[in-house]
Amino acid sequence: MAEPAQIDVAHVAKLARLNLTEKETRLFQAQLGRVLEYAEKLREPDTSKVETAAHAVPIFNVFREDEPRAEFTAEVALSNAPRQANGLFIVTKVVE
């Protein structure tokens, strides 16, 4: 197995403007090393004979057909509006 790439935790922390102690830097370097070792294990199984799939299980469209209906009019929608004018909802300004 190839040697996993070393990531300079102190440099990444500096770029992220994180102030890490030397002890935290060593701890994170060790933890990151273990994560990279585990990720490297994903290269071990032979997947050359596995068919490519977008999902692990088949997905089917379970939605109904989109059909227009005339059950909901503008008047019905506005009937519960606390404030309305000229067939429009009146809302509080949210942008300064």
PDB file of N, CA and C in Angstrom:
ATOM      1  N   MET A   1       0.855  -1.181   0.000  1.00  0.00           N
ATOM      2  CA  MET A   1       0.000   0.000   0.000  1.00  0.00           C
ATOM      3  C   MET A   1       0.897   1.238   0.000  1.00  0.00           C
ATOM      4  N   ALA A   2       0.506   2.229  -0.771  1.00  0.00           N
ATOM      5  CA  ALA A   2       1.284   3.465  -0.872  1.00  0.00           C
ATOM      6  C   ALA A   2       1.192   4.261   0.417  1.00  0.00           C
ATOM      7  N   GLU A   3       2.234   5.021   0.685  1.00  0.00           N
ATOM      8  CA  GLU A   3       2.261   5.887   1.868  1.00  0.00           C
ATOM      9  C   GLU A   3       1.239   7.004   1.704  1.00  0.00           C
ATOM     10  N   PRO A   4       0.309   7.173   2.677  1.00  0.00           N
ATOM     11  CA  PRO A   4      -0.691   8.241   2.538  1.00  0.00           C
ATOM     12  C   PRO A   4      -0.036   9.620   2.571  1.00  0.00           C
ATOM     13  N   ALA A   5      -0.618  10.536   1.858  1.00  0.00           N
ATOM     14  CA  ALA A   5      -0.082  11.900   1.778  1.00  0.00           C
ATOM     15  C   ALA A   5      -0.137  12.559   3.149  1.00  0.00           C
ATOM     16  N   GLN A   6       0.889  13.320   3.453  1.00  0.00           N
ATOM     17  CA  GLN A   6       0.933  14.057   4.703  1.00  0.00           C
ATOM     18  C   GLN A   6       0.362  15.447   4.477  1.00  0.00           C
ATOM     19  N   ILE A   7      -0.552  15.844   5.330  1.00  0.00           N
ATOM     20  CA  ILE A   7      -1.139  17.172   5.251  1.00  0.00           C
ATOM     21  C   ILE A   7      -0.587  17.994   6.405  1.00  0.00           C
ATOM     22  N   ASP A   8      -0.090  19.163   6.092  1.00  0.00           N
ATOM     23  CA  ASP A   8       0.482  20.047   7.107  1.00  0.00           C
ATOM     24  C   ASP A   8      -0.658  20.722   7.863  1.00  0.00           C
ATOM     25  N   VAL A   9      -1.021  20.161   9.015  1.00  0.00           N
ATOM     26  CA  VAL A   9      -2.146  20.662   9.807  1.00  0.00           C
ATOM     27  C   VAL A   9      -1.895  22.100  10.257  1.00  0.00           C
ATOM     28  N   ALA A  10      -0.677  22.425  10.617  1.00  0.00           N
ATOM     29  CA  ALA A  10      -0.368  23.790  11.064  1.00  0.00           C
ATOM     30  C   ALA A  10      -0.617  24.793   9.944  1.00  0.00           C
ATOM     31  N   HIS A  11      -0.244  24.431   8.719  1.00  0.00           N
ATOM     32  CA  HIS A  11      -0.460  25.323   7.574  1.00  0.00           C
ATOM     33  C   HIS A  11      -1.950  25.485   7.276  1.00  0.00           C
ATOM     34  N   VAL A  12      -2.684  24.379   7.296  1.00  0.00           N
ATOM     35  CA  VAL A  12      -4.126  24.435   7.045  1.00  0.00           C
ATOM     36  C   VAL A  12      -4.812  25.254   8.139  1.00  0.00           C
ATOM     37  N   ALA A  13      -4.400  25.084   9.375  1.00  0.00           N
ATOM     38  CA  ALA A  13      -4.974  25.848  10.481  1.00  0.00           C
ATOM     39  C   ALA A  13      -4.705  27.342  10.301  1.00  0.00           C
ATOM     40  N   LYS A  14      -3.515  27.667   9.829  1.00  0.00           N
ATOM     41  CA  LYS A  14      -3.179  29.079   9.583  1.00  0.00           C
ATOM     42  C   LYS A  14      -4.070  29.655   8.482  1.00  0.00           C
ATOM     43  N   LEU A  15      -4.265  28.885   7.402  1.00  0.00           N
ATOM     44  CA  LEU A  15      -5.134  29.342   6.319  1.00  0.00           C
ATOM     45  C   LEU A  15      -6.567  29.537   6.796  1.00  0.00           C
ATOM     46  N   ALA A  16      -7.006  28.685   7.725  1.00  0.00           N
ATOM     47  CA  ALA A  16      -8.365  28.775   8.260  1.00  0.00           C
ATOM     48  C   ALA A  16      -8.445  29.757   9.424  1.00  0.00           C
ATOM     49  N   ARG A  17      -7.316  30.392   9.722  1.00  0.00           N
ATOM     50  CA  ARG A  17      -7.223  31.355  10.821  1.00  0.00           C
ATOM     51  C   ARG A  17      -7.621  30.733  12.156  1.00  0.00           C
ATOM     52  N   LEU A  18      -7.131  29.508  12.373  1.00  0.00           N
ATOM     53  CA  LEU A  18      -7.337  28.811  13.637  1.00  0.00           C
ATOM     54  C   LEU A  18      -6.035  28.870  14.422  1.00  0.00           C
ATOM     55  N   ASN A  19      -6.124  29.218  15.672  1.00  0.00           N
ATOM     56  CA  ASN A  19      -4.940  29.252  16.531  1.00  0.00           C
ATOM     57  C   ASN A  19      -4.880  27.954  17.308  1.00  0.00           C
ATOM     58  N   LEU A  20      -4.077  27.009  16.801  1.00  0.00           N
ATOM     59  CA  LEU A  20      -3.924  25.716  17.451  1.00  0.00           C
ATOM     60  C   LEU A  20      -2.640  25.697  18.266  1.00  0.00           C
ATOM     61  N   THR A  21      -2.719  25.039  19.400  1.00  0.00           N
ATOM     62  CA  THR A  21      -1.500  24.835  20.187  1.00  0.00           C
ATOM     63  C   THR A  21      -0.693  23.730  19.519  1.00  0.00           C
ATOM     64  N   GLU A  22       0.547  23.592  19.933  1.00  0.00           N
ATOM     65  CA  GLU A  22       1.409  22.534  19.377  1.00  0.00           C
ATOM     66  C   GLU A  22       0.817  21.156  19.687  1.00  0.00           C
ATOM     67  N   LYS A  23       0.241  21.017  20.866  1.00  0.00           N
ATOM     68  CA  LYS A  23      -0.376  19.744  21.261  1.00  0.00           C
ATOM     69  C   LYS A  23      -1.591  19.429  20.375  1.00  0.00           C
ATOM     70  N   GLU A  24      -2.419  20.439  20.101  1.00  0.00           N
ATOM     71  CA  GLU A  24      -3.588  20.245  19.230  1.00  0.00           C
ATOM     72  C   GLU A  24      -3.153  19.906  17.813  1.00  0.00           C
ATOM     73  N   THR A  25      -2.101  20.550  17.340  1.00  0.00           N
ATOM     74  CA  THR A  25      -1.599  20.296  15.995  1.00  0.00           C
ATOM     75  C   THR A  25      -1.141  18.846  15.868  1.00  0.00           C
ATOM     76  N   ARG A  26      -0.402  18.357  16.844  1.00  0.00           N
ATOM     77  CA  ARG A  26       0.059  16.958  16.819  1.00  0.00           C
ATOM     78  C   ARG A  26      -1.124  15.997  16.882  1.00  0.00           C
ATOM     79  N   LEU A  27      -2.110  16.321  17.739  1.00  0.00           N
ATOM     80  CA  LEU A  27      -3.292  15.472  17.877  1.00  0.00           C
ATOM     81  C   LEU A  27      -4.060  15.407  16.556  1.00  0.00           C
ATOM     82  N   PHE A  28      -4.308  16.556  15.947  1.00  0.00           N
ATOM     83  CA  PHE A  28      -5.051  16.581  14.695  1.00  0.00           C
ATOM     84  C   PHE A  28      -4.276  15.896  13.571  1.00  0.00           C
ATOM     85  N   GLN A  29      -2.948  16.034  13.559  1.00  0.00           N
ATOM     86  CA  GLN A  29      -2.125  15.368  12.542  1.00  0.00           C
ATOM     87  C   GLN A  29      -2.263  13.856  12.680  1.00  0.00           C
ATOM     88  N   ALA A  30      -2.248  13.360  13.918  1.00  0.00           N
ATOM     89  CA  ALA A  30      -2.392  11.926  14.149  1.00  0.00           C
ATOM     90  C   ALA A  30      -3.786  11.447  13.744  1.00  0.00           C
ATOM     91  N   GLN A  31      -4.807  12.211  14.111  1.00  0.00           N
ATOM     92  CA  GLN A  31      -6.174  11.835  13.761  1.00  0.00           C
ATOM     93  C   GLN A  31      -6.374  11.838  12.245  1.00  0.00           C
ATOM     94  N   LEU A  32      -5.851  12.850  11.587  1.00  0.00           N
ATOM     95  CA  LEU A  32      -5.970  12.933  10.141  1.00  0.00           C
ATOM     96  C   LEU A  32      -5.233  11.783   9.470  1.00  0.00           C
ATOM     97  N   GLY A  33      -4.095  11.409  10.022  1.00  0.00           N
ATOM     98  CA  GLY A  33      -3.345  10.276   9.491  1.00  0.00           C
ATOM     99  C   GLY A  33      -4.152   8.991   9.565  1.00  0.00           C
ATOM    100  N   ARG A  34      -4.870   8.789  10.677  1.00  0.00           N
ATOM    101  CA  ARG A  34      -5.709   7.593  10.818  1.00  0.00           C
ATOM    102  C   ARG A  34      -6.876   7.622   9.833  1.00  0.00           C
ATOM    103  N   VAL A  35      -7.454   8.794   9.612  1.00  0.00           N
ATOM    104  CA  VAL A  35      -8.550   8.922   8.643  1.00  0.00           C
ATOM    105  C   VAL A  35      -8.039   8.578   7.245  1.00  0.00           C
ATOM    106  N   LEU A  36      -6.869   9.095   6.874  1.00  0.00           N
ATOM    107  CA  LEU A  36      -6.316   8.826   5.551  1.00  0.00           C
ATOM    108  C   LEU A  36      -5.955   7.356   5.382  1.00  0.00           C
ATOM    109  N   GLU A  37      -5.467   6.712   6.449  1.00  0.00           N
ATOM    110  CA  GLU A  37      -5.174   5.275   6.394  1.00  0.00           C
ATOM    111  C   GLU A  37      -6.452   4.489   6.145  1.00  0.00           C
ATOM    112  N   TYR A  38      -7.520   4.871   6.821  1.00  0.00           N
ATOM    113  CA  TYR A  38      -8.789   4.173   6.636  1.00  0.00           C
ATOM    114  C   TYR A  38      -9.319   4.395   5.219  1.00  0.00           C
ATOM    115  N   ALA A  39      -9.211   5.626   4.717  1.00  0.00           N
ATOM    116  CA  ALA A  39      -9.665   5.914   3.360  1.00  0.00           C
ATOM    117  C   ALA A  39      -8.864   5.120   2.338  1.00  0.00           C
ATOM    118  N   GLU A  40      -7.605   4.869   2.616  1.00  0.00           N
ATOM    119  CA  GLU A  40      -6.755   4.097   1.709  1.00  0.00           C
ATOM    120  C   GLU A  40      -7.240   2.650   1.616  1.00  0.00           C
ATOM    121  N   LYS A  41      -7.881   2.136   2.659  1.00  0.00           N
ATOM    122  CA  LYS A  41      -8.409   0.773   2.639  1.00  0.00           C
ATOM    123  C   LYS A  41      -9.508   0.614   1.593  1.00  0.00           C
ATOM    124  N   LEU A  42     -10.146   1.707   1.208  1.00  0.00           N
ATOM    125  CA  LEU A  42     -11.204   1.633   0.208  1.00  0.00           C
ATOM    126  C   LEU A  42     -10.662   1.269  -1.168  1.00  0.00           C
ATOM    127  N   ARG A  43      -9.355   1.378  -1.356  1.00  0.00           N
ATOM    128  CA  ARG A  43      -8.743   1.015  -2.633  1.00  0.00           C
ATOM    129  C   ARG A  43      -8.456  -0.486  -2.721  1.00  0.00           C
ATOM    130  N   GLU A  44      -8.510  -1.193  -1.604  1.00  0.00           N
ATOM    131  CA  GLU A  44      -8.123  -2.603  -1.574  1.00  0.00           C
ATOM    132  C   GLU A  44      -9.075  -3.535  -2.321  1.00  0.00           C
ATOM    133  N   PRO A  45     -10.387  -3.449  -2.141  1.00  0.00           N
ATOM    134  CA  PRO A  45     -11.267  -4.411  -2.818  1.00  0.00           C
ATOM    135  C   PRO A  45     -11.217  -4.246  -4.337  1.00  0.00           C
ATOM    136  N   ASP A  46     -11.306  -5.378  -5.044  1.00  0.00           N
ATOM    137  CA  ASP A  46     -11.318  -5.347  -6.505  1.00  0.00           C
ATOM    138  C   ASP A  46     -12.734  -5.026  -6.967  1.00  0.00           C
ATOM    139  N   THR A  47     -12.917  -3.833  -7.513  1.00  0.00           N
ATOM    140  CA  THR A  47     -14.239  -3.404  -7.968  1.00  0.00           C
ATOM    141  C   THR A  47     -14.323  -3.370  -9.493  1.00  0.00           C
ATOM    142  N   SER A  48     -13.368  -3.981 -10.160  1.00  0.00           N
ATOM    143  CA  SER A  48     -13.338  -3.920 -11.622  1.00  0.00           C
ATOM    144  C   SER A  48     -14.522  -4.648 -12.252  1.00  0.00           C
ATOM    145  N   LYS A  49     -15.093  -5.635 -11.570  1.00  0.00           N
ATOM    146  CA  LYS A  49     -16.210  -6.394 -12.138  1.00  0.00           C
ATOM    147  C   LYS A  49     -17.558  -5.938 -11.581  1.00  0.00           C
ATOM    148  N   VAL A  50     -17.578  -4.825 -10.856  1.00  0.00           N
ATOM    149  CA  VAL A  50     -18.822  -4.304 -10.288  1.00  0.00           C
ATOM    150  C   VAL A  50     -19.395  -3.265 -11.241  1.00  0.00           C
ATOM    151  N   GLU A  51     -20.676  -3.434 -11.562  1.00  0.00           N
ATOM    152  CA  GLU A  51     -21.327  -2.504 -12.475  1.00  0.00           C
ATOM    153  C   GLU A  51     -21.492  -1.136 -11.808  1.00  0.00           C
ATOM    154  N   THR A  52     -21.218  -0.091 -12.565  1.00  0.00           N
ATOM    155  CA  THR A  52     -21.363   1.258 -12.045  1.00  0.00           C
ATOM    156  C   THR A  52     -22.828   1.567 -11.810  1.00  0.00           C
ATOM    157  N   ALA A  53     -23.122   2.187 -10.675  1.00  0.00           N
ATOM    158  CA  ALA A  53     -24.506   2.538 -10.351  1.00  0.00           C
ATOM    159  C   ALA A  53     -24.532   3.906  -9.690  1.00  0.00           C
ATOM    160  N   ALA A  54     -25.588   4.652  -9.970  1.00  0.00           N
ATOM    161  CA  ALA A  54     -25.733   5.954  -9.341  1.00  0.00           C
ATOM    162  C   ALA A  54     -26.243   5.820  -7.917  1.00  0.00           C
ATOM    163  N   HIS A  55     -27.019   4.758  -7.648  1.00  0.00           N
ATOM    164  CA  HIS A  55     -27.581   4.529  -6.316  1.00  0.00           C
ATOM    165  C   HIS A  55     -27.374   3.076  -5.936  1.00  0.00           C
ATOM    166  N   ALA A  56     -27.304   2.823  -4.652  1.00  0.00           N
ATOM    167  CA  ALA A  56     -27.117   1.459  -4.169  1.00  0.00           C
ATOM    168  C   ALA A  56     -28.365   0.611  -4.385  1.00  0.00           C
ATOM    169  N   VAL A  57     -29.525   1.244  -4.349  1.00  0.00           N
ATOM    170  CA  VAL A  57     -30.783   0.529  -4.573  1.00  0.00           C
ATOM    171  C   VAL A  57     -31.532   1.218  -5.704  1.00  0.00           C
ATOM    172  N   PRO A  58     -32.351   0.469  -6.431  1.00  0.00           N
ATOM    173  CA  PRO A  58     -33.108   1.101  -7.523  1.00  0.00           C
ATOM    174  C   PRO A  58     -34.068   2.156  -6.995  1.00  0.00           C
ATOM    175  N   ILE A  59     -34.199   3.238  -7.725  1.00  0.00           N
ATOM    176  CA  ILE A  59     -35.105   4.319  -7.342  1.00  0.00           C
ATOM    177  C   ILE A  59     -36.121   4.493  -8.464  1.00  0.00           C
ATOM    178  N   PHE A  60     -37.383   4.554  -8.075  1.00  0.00           N
ATOM    179  CA  PHE A  60     -38.457   4.716  -9.045  1.00  0.00           C
ATOM    180  C   PHE A  60     -39.208   5.990  -8.736  1.00  0.00           C
ATOM    181  N   ASN A  61     -39.718   6.639  -9.758  1.00  0.00           N
ATOM    182  CA  ASN A  61     -40.505   7.849  -9.586  1.00  0.00           C
ATOM    183  C   ASN A  61     -41.889   7.448  -9.083  1.00  0.00           C
ATOM    184  N   VAL A  62     -42.240   7.907  -7.891  1.00  0.00           N
ATOM    185  CA  VAL A  62     -43.522   7.533  -7.299  1.00  0.00           C
ATOM    186  C   VAL A  62     -44.500   8.701  -7.306  1.00  0.00           C
ATOM    187  N   PHE A  63     -44.187   9.743  -8.049  1.00  0.00           N
ATOM    188  CA  PHE A  63     -45.043  10.916  -8.077  1.00  0.00           C
ATOM    189  C   PHE A  63     -46.180  10.729  -9.078  1.00  0.00           C
ATOM    190  N   ARG A  64     -47.286  11.372  -8.801  1.00  0.00           N
ATOM    191  CA  ARG A  64     -48.422  11.339  -9.712  1.00  0.00           C
ATOM    192  C   ARG A  64     -48.143  12.268 -10.882  1.00  0.00           C
ATOM    193  N   GLU A  65     -48.898  12.105 -11.927  1.00  0.00           N
ATOM    194  CA  GLU A  65     -48.790  12.995 -13.080  1.00  0.00           C
ATOM    195  C   GLU A  65     -49.229  14.397 -12.669  1.00  0.00           C
ATOM    196  N   ASP A  66     -48.571  15.398 -13.194  1.00  0.00           N
ATOM    197  CA  ASP A  66     -48.902  16.782 -12.896  1.00  0.00           C
ATOM    198  C   ASP A  66     -50.037  17.218 -13.814  1.00  0.00           C
ATOM    199  N   GLU A  67     -51.211  17.361 -13.241  1.00  0.00           N
ATOM    200  CA  GLU A  67     -52.383  17.750 -14.021  1.00  0.00           C
ATOM    201  C   GLU A  67     -52.963  19.035 -13.449  1.00  0.00           C
ATOM    202  N   PRO A  68     -53.267  20.019 -14.295  1.00  0.00           N
ATOM    203  CA  PRO A  68     -53.831  21.277 -13.790  1.00  0.00           C
ATOM    204  C   PRO A  68     -55.239  21.052 -13.235  1.00  0.00           C
ATOM    205  N   ARG A  69     -55.518  21.755 -12.130  1.00  0.00           N
ATOM    206  CA  ARG A  69     -56.848  21.689 -11.523  1.00  0.00           C
ATOM    207  C   ARG A  69     -57.305  23.106 -11.210  1.00  0.00           C
ATOM    208  N   ALA A  70     -58.580  23.351 -11.313  1.00  0.00           N
ATOM    209  CA  ALA A  70     -59.135  24.680 -11.067  1.00  0.00           C
ATOM    210  C   ALA A  70     -59.798  24.741  -9.698  1.00  0.00           C
ATOM    211  N   GLU A  71     -59.208  24.115  -8.694  1.00  0.00           N
ATOM    212  CA  GLU A  71     -59.815  24.062  -7.375  1.00  0.00           C
ATOM    213  C   GLU A  71     -59.374  25.207  -6.468  1.00  0.00           C
ATOM    214  N   PHE A  72     -58.293  25.895  -6.798  1.00  0.00           N
ATOM    215  CA  PHE A  72     -57.719  26.885  -5.905  1.00  0.00           C
ATOM    216  C   PHE A  72     -57.616  28.208  -6.652  1.00  0.00           C
ATOM    217  N   THR A  73     -58.484  29.138  -6.339  1.00  0.00           N
ATOM    218  CA  THR A  73     -58.493  30.417  -7.035  1.00  0.00           C
ATOM    219  C   THR A  73     -57.730  31.465  -6.233  1.00  0.00           C
ATOM    220  N   ALA A  74     -57.456  32.586  -6.860  1.00  0.00           N
ATOM    221  CA  ALA A  74     -56.771  33.690  -6.181  1.00  0.00           C
ATOM    222  C   ALA A  74     -57.616  34.202  -5.022  1.00  0.00           C
ATOM    223  N   GLU A  75     -58.923  34.236  -5.203  1.00  0.00           N
ATOM    224  CA  GLU A  75     -59.811  34.710  -4.143  1.00  0.00           C
ATOM    225  C   GLU A  75     -59.732  33.800  -2.914  1.00  0.00           C
ATOM    226  N   VAL A  76     -59.674  32.496  -3.157  1.00  0.00           N
ATOM    227  CA  VAL A  76     -59.560  31.540  -2.042  1.00  0.00           C
ATOM    228  C   VAL A  76     -58.226  31.733  -1.328  1.00  0.00           C
ATOM    229  N   ALA A  77     -57.154  31.910  -2.087  1.00  0.00           N
ATOM    230  CA  ALA A  77     -55.836  32.100  -1.483  1.00  0.00           C
ATOM    231  C   ALA A  77     -55.799  33.375  -0.652  1.00  0.00           C
ATOM    232  N   LEU A  78     -56.391  34.434  -1.136  1.00  0.00           N
ATOM    233  CA  LEU A  78     -56.370  35.717  -0.432  1.00  0.00           C
ATOM    234  C   LEU A  78     -57.370  35.777   0.719  1.00  0.00           C
ATOM    235  N   SER A  79     -58.289  34.842   0.784  1.00  0.00           N
ATOM    236  CA  SER A  79     -59.330  34.895   1.809  1.00  0.00           C
ATOM    237  C   SER A  79     -58.769  34.808   3.227  1.00  0.00           C
ATOM    238  N   ASN A  80     -57.636  34.162   3.416  1.00  0.00           N
ATOM    239  CA  ASN A  80     -57.038  34.029   4.748  1.00  0.00           C
ATOM    240  C   ASN A  80     -55.894  35.005   4.982  1.00  0.00           C
ATOM    241  N   ALA A  81     -55.612  35.848   4.023  1.00  0.00           N
ATOM    242  CA  ALA A  81     -54.498  36.786   4.162  1.00  0.00           C
ATOM    243  C   ALA A  81     -54.854  37.871   5.175  1.00  0.00           C
ATOM    244  N   PRO A  82     -53.941  38.160   6.120  1.00  0.00           N
ATOM    245  CA  PRO A  82     -54.216  39.225   7.079  1.00  0.00           C
ATOM    246  C   PRO A  82     -54.301  40.593   6.411  1.00  0.00           C
ATOM    247  N   ARG A  83     -53.504  40.818   5.343  1.00  0.00           N
ATOM    248  CA  ARG A  83     -53.527  42.092   4.625  1.00  0.00           C
ATOM    249  C   ARG A  83     -53.448  41.804   3.140  1.00  0.00           C
ATOM    250  N   GLN A  84     -54.263  42.508   2.369  1.00  0.00           N
ATOM    251  CA  GLN A  84     -54.268  42.331   0.927  1.00  0.00           C
ATOM    252  C   GLN A  84     -54.708  43.620   0.256  1.00  0.00           C
ATOM    253  N   ALA A  85     -54.292  43.790  -0.987  1.00  0.00           N
ATOM    254  CA  ALA A  85     -54.702  44.962  -1.769  1.00  0.00           C
ATOM    255  C   ALA A  85     -54.553  44.633  -3.246  1.00  0.00           C
ATOM    256  N   ASN A  86     -55.518  45.001  -4.039  1.00  0.00           N
ATOM    257  CA  ASN A  86     -55.489  44.805  -5.493  1.00  0.00           C
ATOM    258  C   ASN A  86     -55.209  43.351  -5.883  1.00  0.00           C
ATOM    259  N   GLY A  87     -55.739  42.411  -5.125  1.00  0.00           N
ATOM    260  CA  GLY A  87     -55.541  40.994  -5.433  1.00  0.00           C
ATOM    261  C   GLY A  87     -54.154  40.478  -5.104  1.00  0.00           C
ATOM    262  N   LEU A  88     -53.404  41.185  -4.234  1.00  0.00           N
ATOM    263  CA  LEU A  88     -52.045  40.792  -3.864  1.00  0.00           C
ATOM    264  C   LEU A  88     -51.923  40.700  -2.353  1.00  0.00           C
ATOM    265  N   PHE A  89     -50.998  39.855  -1.879  1.00  0.00           N
ATOM    266  CA  PHE A  89     -50.677  39.779  -0.458  1.00  0.00           C
ATOM    267  C   PHE A  89     -49.852  41.002  -0.075  1.00  0.00           C
ATOM    268  N   ILE A  90     -50.114  41.596   1.069  1.00  0.00           N
ATOM    269  CA  ILE A  90     -49.289  42.676   1.607  1.00  0.00           C
ATOM    270  C   ILE A  90     -48.456  42.062   2.726  1.00  0.00           C
ATOM    271  N   VAL A  91     -47.137  42.155   2.595  1.00  0.00           N
ATOM    272  CA  VAL A  91     -46.230  41.570   3.590  1.00  0.00           C
ATOM    273  C   VAL A  91     -45.290  42.637   4.117  1.00  0.00           C
ATOM    274  N   THR A  92     -44.693  42.346   5.258  1.00  0.00           N
ATOM    275  CA  THR A  92     -43.742  43.252   5.874  1.00  0.00           C
ATOM    276  C   THR A  92     -42.430  43.261   5.082  1.00  0.00           C
ATOM    277  N   LYS A  93     -41.849  44.426   4.932  1.00  0.00           N
ATOM    278  CA  LYS A  93     -40.571  44.551   4.236  1.00  0.00           C
ATOM    279  C   LYS A  93     -39.500  43.827   5.025  1.00  0.00           C
ATOM    280  N   VAL A  94     -38.700  42.958   4.342  1.00  0.00           N
ATOM    281  CA  VAL A  94     -37.668  42.188   5.020  1.00  0.00           C
ATOM    282  C   VAL A  94     -36.269  42.580   4.585  1.00  0.00           C
ATOM    283  N   VAL A  95     -36.125  43.483   3.614  1.00  0.00           N
ATOM    284  CA  VAL A  95     -34.822  43.922   3.133  1.00  0.00           C
ATOM    285  C   VAL A  95     -34.637  45.371   3.529  1.00  0.00           C
ATOM    286  N   GLU A  96     -33.455  45.658   4.045  1.00  0.00           N
ATOM    287  CA  GLU A  96     -33.191  47.050   4.445  1.00  0.00           C
ATOM    288  C   GLU A  96     -32.551  47.822   3.332  1.00  0.00           C
TER     289      GLU A  96
END
